[in-house]
Amino acid sequence: MDVHVPAVITRTLMTRDVDVLTAQADRTERLDDPALLDHAGELGRVLFTRDDDFLAEATLRQRDGIPFAGVIYAHQLRVTIGQCVQDLEIISKCCDPGDLANRVEHLPLR
């Protein structure tokens, strides 16, 4: 989870046994977007964000063939917290991190 994710999303996912790591807990909240995306890849974790800048970074990497662990994006105003929780839980339980490598998934899933 990057720093733009409301804590209620993280807390709710944790109560549902979803393995979540926030930038704050990992002490990477001050990293710029490219470095945070690189760090997520080093950890083998897909990055969830509500920050449009990550879309630009992921698109650049896709275009240039630069690998990344994957990005899941939900617009801050168009996707509710409940939708985020529900869809992230589904993704976490149905996908392996490798399934999302070099991809950008947009929420909501439906």
Protein backbone atom coordinates (compact mmCIF):
# COMPACT_ATOMS: atom_id res chain seq x y z
CA MET A 1 0.00 0.00 0.00
CA ASP A 2 1.38 3.37 -0.88
CA VAL A 3 0.84 6.42 1.33
CA HIS A 4 -2.32 7.49 -0.54
CA VAL A 5 -4.33 4.48 0.65
CA PRO A 6 -6.74 5.22 3.50
CA ALA A 7 -5.86 3.28 6.65
CA VAL A 8 -9.39 1.84 6.85
CA ILE A 9 -8.71 -0.16 3.67
CA THR A 10 -5.54 -1.61 5.15
CA ARG A 11 -7.10 -2.39 8.53
CA THR A 12 -10.15 -4.05 7.00
CA LEU A 13 -8.05 -6.21 4.70
CA MET A 14 -5.91 -7.29 7.65
CA THR A 15 -9.02 -8.42 9.54
CA ARG A 16 -9.79 -10.59 6.50
CA ASP A 17 -6.37 -12.26 6.64
CA VAL A 18 -4.98 -10.43 3.62
CA ASP A 19 -1.20 -9.98 3.79
CA VAL A 20 -0.75 -6.21 3.59
CA LEU A 21 2.37 -4.08 3.94
CA THR A 22 2.08 -0.32 4.00
CA ALA A 23 4.78 2.10 2.94
CA GLN A 24 4.57 3.53 6.44
CA ALA A 25 5.16 0.16 8.15
CA ASP A 26 8.00 -0.57 5.72
CA ARG A 27 9.47 2.90 6.36
CA THR A 28 9.44 3.68 2.64
CA GLU A 29 6.81 6.42 2.73
CA ARG A 30 9.35 9.02 1.62
CA LEU A 31 10.48 7.12 -1.48
CA ASP A 32 9.52 8.60 -4.82
CA ASP A 33 7.15 6.57 -7.00
CA PRO A 34 9.80 4.80 -9.15
CA ALA A 35 11.81 3.79 -6.09
CA LEU A 36 8.72 2.57 -4.24
CA LEU A 37 7.66 0.52 -7.25
CA ASP A 38 11.19 -0.96 -7.46
CA HIS A 39 11.09 -1.78 -3.75
CA ALA A 40 7.72 -3.51 -4.10
CA GLY A 41 9.23 -5.62 -6.87
CA GLU A 42 12.21 -6.53 -4.70
CA LEU A 43 9.77 -7.74 -2.05
CA GLY A 44 7.68 -9.61 -4.63
CA ARG A 45 4.65 -7.49 -3.80
CA VAL A 46 2.07 -5.87 -6.03
CA LEU A 47 1.55 -2.19 -5.23
CA PHE A 48 -1.93 -0.84 -4.53
CA THR A 49 -2.36 2.89 -5.01
CA ARG A 50 -4.92 5.62 -5.45
CA ASP A 51 -2.27 7.95 -6.92
CA ASP A 52 -2.49 8.74 -10.65
CA ASP A 53 1.28 9.22 -10.86
CA PHE A 54 1.81 5.47 -10.47
CA LEU A 55 -0.21 4.90 -13.63
CA ALA A 56 2.22 7.06 -15.57
CA GLU A 57 5.22 5.23 -14.09
CA ALA A 58 3.74 1.80 -14.81
CA THR A 59 2.82 2.80 -18.38
CA LEU A 60 6.36 4.05 -18.95
CA ARG A 61 7.77 0.76 -17.70
CA GLN A 62 5.40 -1.25 -19.86
CA ARG A 63 6.35 0.79 -22.92
CA ASP A 64 10.09 0.51 -22.23
CA GLY A 65 10.00 -3.16 -21.20
CA ILE A 66 11.13 -2.42 -17.64
CA PRO A 67 9.78 -5.14 -15.35
CA PHE A 68 7.74 -4.32 -12.25
CA ALA A 69 5.72 -6.38 -9.80
CA GLY A 70 2.36 -4.92 -10.83
CA VAL A 71 0.11 -2.05 -9.86
CA ILE A 72 -3.50 -2.11 -8.74
CA TYR A 73 -5.12 1.30 -9.06
CA ALA A 74 -8.38 2.74 -7.78
CA HIS A 75 -9.39 6.33 -8.45
CA GLN A 76 -9.83 8.29 -5.22
CA LEU A 77 -13.26 9.66 -6.09
CA ARG A 78 -14.77 6.99 -8.33
CA VAL A 79 -14.06 3.82 -6.34
CA THR A 80 -15.42 3.44 -2.84
CA ILE A 81 -13.47 2.13 0.09
CA GLY A 82 -15.83 -0.85 0.22
CA GLN A 83 -15.18 -1.66 -3.44
CA CYS A 84 -11.44 -1.43 -2.84
CA VAL A 85 -11.61 -3.81 0.11
CA GLN A 86 -13.83 -6.31 -1.68
CA ASP A 87 -11.80 -6.34 -4.90
CA LEU A 88 -8.40 -6.40 -3.21
CA GLU A 89 -9.51 -9.35 -1.09
CA ILE A 90 -10.62 -11.21 -4.22
CA ILE A 91 -7.37 -10.46 -6.01
CA SER A 92 -5.25 -11.48 -3.02
CA LYS A 93 -7.03 -14.80 -2.68
CA CYS A 94 -7.33 -15.65 -6.37
CA CYS A 95 -4.03 -14.45 -7.84
CA ASP A 96 -0.39 -15.08 -7.23
CA PRO A 97 1.77 -11.96 -7.31
CA GLY A 98 3.41 -13.26 -10.50
CA ASP A 99 0.02 -13.18 -12.24
CA LEU A 100 0.10 -9.39 -11.99
CA ALA A 101 3.72 -8.85 -13.03
CA ASN A 102 4.11 -5.97 -15.48
CA ARG A 103 0.38 -5.27 -15.41
CA VAL A 104 -1.89 -2.51 -14.21
CA GLU A 105 -5.28 -3.54 -12.87
CA HIS A 106 -7.98 -0.98 -12.32
CA LEU A 107 -10.64 -1.22 -9.64
CA PRO A 108 -13.50 -1.83 -9.47
CA LEU A 109 -13.17 -5.25 -11.08
CA ARG A 110 -16.72 -5.23 -12.44
